[in-house]
Structure formats: structure tokens, C-alpha cells
Protein backbone atom coordinates (compact mmCIF):
# COMPACT_ATOMS: atom_id res chain seq x y z
CA UNK A 1 56.01 142.85 67.05
CA UNK A 2 58.34 141.39 64.39
CA UNK A 3 60.33 138.09 65.80
CA UNK A 4 64.20 138.40 65.67
CA UNK A 5 65.35 135.99 63.22
CA UNK A 6 69.23 136.56 63.51
CA UNK A 7 71.17 134.56 66.57
CA UNK A 8 72.45 136.75 69.25
CA UNK A 9 74.92 134.07 70.59
CA UNK A 10 77.06 134.05 67.25
CA UNK A 11 80.30 135.70 66.90
CA UNK A 12 80.24 138.42 64.31
CA UNK A 13 76.80 137.52 63.25
CA UNK A 14 76.32 140.42 60.62
CA UNK A 15 79.86 140.10 59.09
CA UNK A 16 78.95 136.55 58.86
CA UNK A 17 75.86 136.94 57.07
CA UNK A 18 77.66 139.37 54.80
CA UNK A 19 80.52 136.72 53.95
CA UNK A 20 77.92 133.78 53.34
CA UNK A 21 75.97 136.02 51.35
CA UNK A 22 78.64 136.71 48.97
CA UNK A 23 79.70 133.23 48.98
CA UNK A 24 76.16 132.12 48.17
CA UNK A 25 76.05 134.84 44.91
CA UNK A 26 79.21 133.41 43.80
CA UNK A 27 77.79 129.99 43.80
CA UNK A 28 74.38 131.08 42.15
CA UNK A 29 76.43 132.60 39.49
CA UNK A 30 79.13 129.65 38.53
CA UNK A 31 77.66 126.50 40.21
CA UNK A 32 79.98 123.58 40.99
CA UNK A 33 83.21 122.20 38.80
CA UNK A 34 85.63 124.93 38.69
CA UNK A 35 89.22 125.10 40.24
CA UNK A 36 89.36 126.64 43.50
CA UNK A 37 91.57 129.60 41.93
CA UNK A 38 88.62 130.75 39.91
CA UNK A 39 86.08 130.63 43.10
CA UNK A 40 88.83 132.67 44.81
CA UNK A 41 88.81 135.40 42.06
CA UNK A 42 85.02 135.35 41.83
CA UNK A 43 84.62 135.82 45.95
CA UNK A 44 87.09 138.66 45.87
CA UNK A 45 85.29 140.35 42.97
CA UNK A 46 82.24 139.87 44.97
CA UNK A 47 83.49 141.24 48.12
CA UNK A 48 84.78 144.46 46.10
CA UNK A 49 81.29 145.07 44.63
CA UNK A 50 79.69 144.81 48.05
CA UNK A 51 82.68 147.19 49.49
CA UNK A 52 83.65 144.54 52.00
CA UNK A 53 87.08 145.47 53.41
CA UNK A 54 89.54 142.30 52.91
CA UNK A 55 92.59 140.94 52.19
CA UNK A 56 93.38 138.01 49.96
CA UNK A 57 96.37 135.34 50.45
CA UNK A 58 97.11 136.87 53.59
CA UNK A 59 100.66 135.85 54.84
CA UNK A 60 100.83 134.64 58.48
CA UNK A 61 103.92 133.50 59.87
CA UNK A 62 104.13 130.89 62.77
CA UNK A 63 106.45 131.67 65.64
CA UNK A 64 107.44 129.76 68.50
CA UNK A 65 108.63 132.10 71.24
CA UNK A 66 109.66 134.68 68.99
CA UNK A 67 111.19 132.39 66.42
CA UNK A 68 109.72 131.74 63.08
CA UNK A 69 108.79 128.19 62.50
CA UNK A 70 106.58 128.25 59.46
CA UNK A 71 104.07 130.02 57.44
CA UNK A 72 100.35 130.14 56.45
CA UNK A 73 98.39 132.00 53.80
CA UNK A 74 94.88 132.71 54.49
CA UNK A 75 92.76 132.67 51.36
CA UNK A 76 90.71 135.78 52.68
CA UNK A 77 90.79 137.87 55.85
CA UNK A 78 87.76 139.91 56.43
CA UNK A 79 87.63 143.22 58.21
CA UNK A 80 90.79 141.88 60.21
CA UNK A 81 88.26 139.44 62.18
CA UNK A 82 87.16 136.67 59.95
CA UNK A 83 89.61 133.99 58.20
CA UNK A 84 87.92 132.66 55.02
CA UNK A 85 89.44 129.40 53.70
CA UNK A 86 87.75 127.98 50.46
CA UNK A 87 87.72 124.36 48.89
CA UNK A 88 85.96 122.57 46.13
CA UNK A 89 84.10 119.32 45.59
CA UNK A 90 85.18 117.40 48.64
CA UNK A 91 83.46 117.09 51.93
CA UNK A 92 84.77 118.90 54.85
CA UNK A 93 87.88 116.86 56.23
CA UNK A 94 89.25 116.93 59.60
CA UNK A 95 92.70 118.13 57.93
CA UNK A 96 90.61 121.36 56.63
CA UNK A 97 89.07 121.94 60.00
CA UNK A 98 92.60 121.69 61.44
CA UNK A 99 93.97 124.22 58.99
CA UNK A 100 91.38 126.77 59.84
CA UNK A 101 91.72 126.39 63.45
CA UNK A 102 95.68 126.66 62.94
CA UNK A 103 95.08 130.21 60.95
CA UNK A 104 92.71 131.49 63.85
CA UNK A 105 95.63 130.71 66.64
CA UNK A 106 98.23 132.00 64.50
CA UNK A 107 96.50 135.20 63.92
CA UNK A 108 94.56 135.26 67.26
CA UNK A 109 91.31 135.39 65.59
CA UNK A 110 87.87 134.39 67.00
CA UNK A 111 86.16 133.22 63.92
CA UNK A 112 86.95 131.03 60.60
CA UNK A 113 84.61 130.10 57.88
CA UNK A 114 85.27 127.06 55.70
CA UNK A 115 83.19 127.12 52.63
CA UNK A 116 83.10 124.39 49.94
CA UNK A 117 81.64 124.69 46.38
CA UNK A 118 80.22 121.27 45.70
CA UNK A 119 77.71 119.64 43.22
CA UNK A 120 75.37 119.76 45.89
CA UNK A 121 75.66 123.47 46.61
CA UNK A 122 77.45 125.63 49.00
CA UNK A 123 78.18 124.28 52.23
CA UNK A 124 80.19 126.06 54.83
CA UNK A 125 81.08 125.62 58.61
CA UNK A 126 81.62 128.39 61.21
CA UNK A 127 84.80 127.39 63.06
CA UNK A 128 85.62 128.98 66.29
CA UNK A 129 88.92 129.51 68.13
CA UNK A 130 88.16 128.72 71.56
CA UNK A 131 91.45 129.39 73.14
């Protein structure tokens, strides 16, 4: 009997593997050192090649008791379920993580992925909306 290699306790495990696979492919092709906008364009092309359902630069209004108080733009929203935010070069900061958490809350999403294209490889964090 073959052992199960994928965890059962993850939020959207198959979709997460698809997203990370696309990010890895982009990093394998480009490596590090490019502007964030080029990674964004490359990730979008990779999603298209894979037939992934996604939106880019998704406008998200932030409201308070029905009144608009601000706005966000998600780098990617995949299958209406997962927010993906791209960064380059710098280690994950508290600010980056808080940004993704805010996106999740504003969109009532369960999962965000923060991806960073660095000299040391592709780094990513899965961030959950626990509210």
C-alpha cells in the first residue's frame, strides 16, 4: 500500500500545490533579480498555461458598517478562494504578513499565500484567516 504523501489537515491542499507548482516553475525559468511586475506577468502566464482560474490585481473595497473606508488590490485571486501576494528579495516582514491577513479578512477568504522570489530561491508562507 502506497503511503499518503499529502497532508489532510491543510486548507485547499490541491489548489495550494497547484499554486506553489506554478511559482516554482516561474522561479526555475527566471531566477532572482527581476522587478516584481515581471514575476507577476510570468505567474499570470504560467497560470494561463496550466488552465488555472484566476484574477489579477483584484480591487477589494474595505468597508466599515457599509461605508467605504479604503481599498486593496490583490496580486492574484485563484479560483475565488486563495489570495496570492508576490514579493521579491527581502525576507517576509510583519507588514507583508499583515497585508495578506487584511486581504483575507476584507474578502472573507480562508487562505493566502505570500511568495517571495529571492536569491536563495522561492520562499512562501501559507497564511490562514482564523476569524
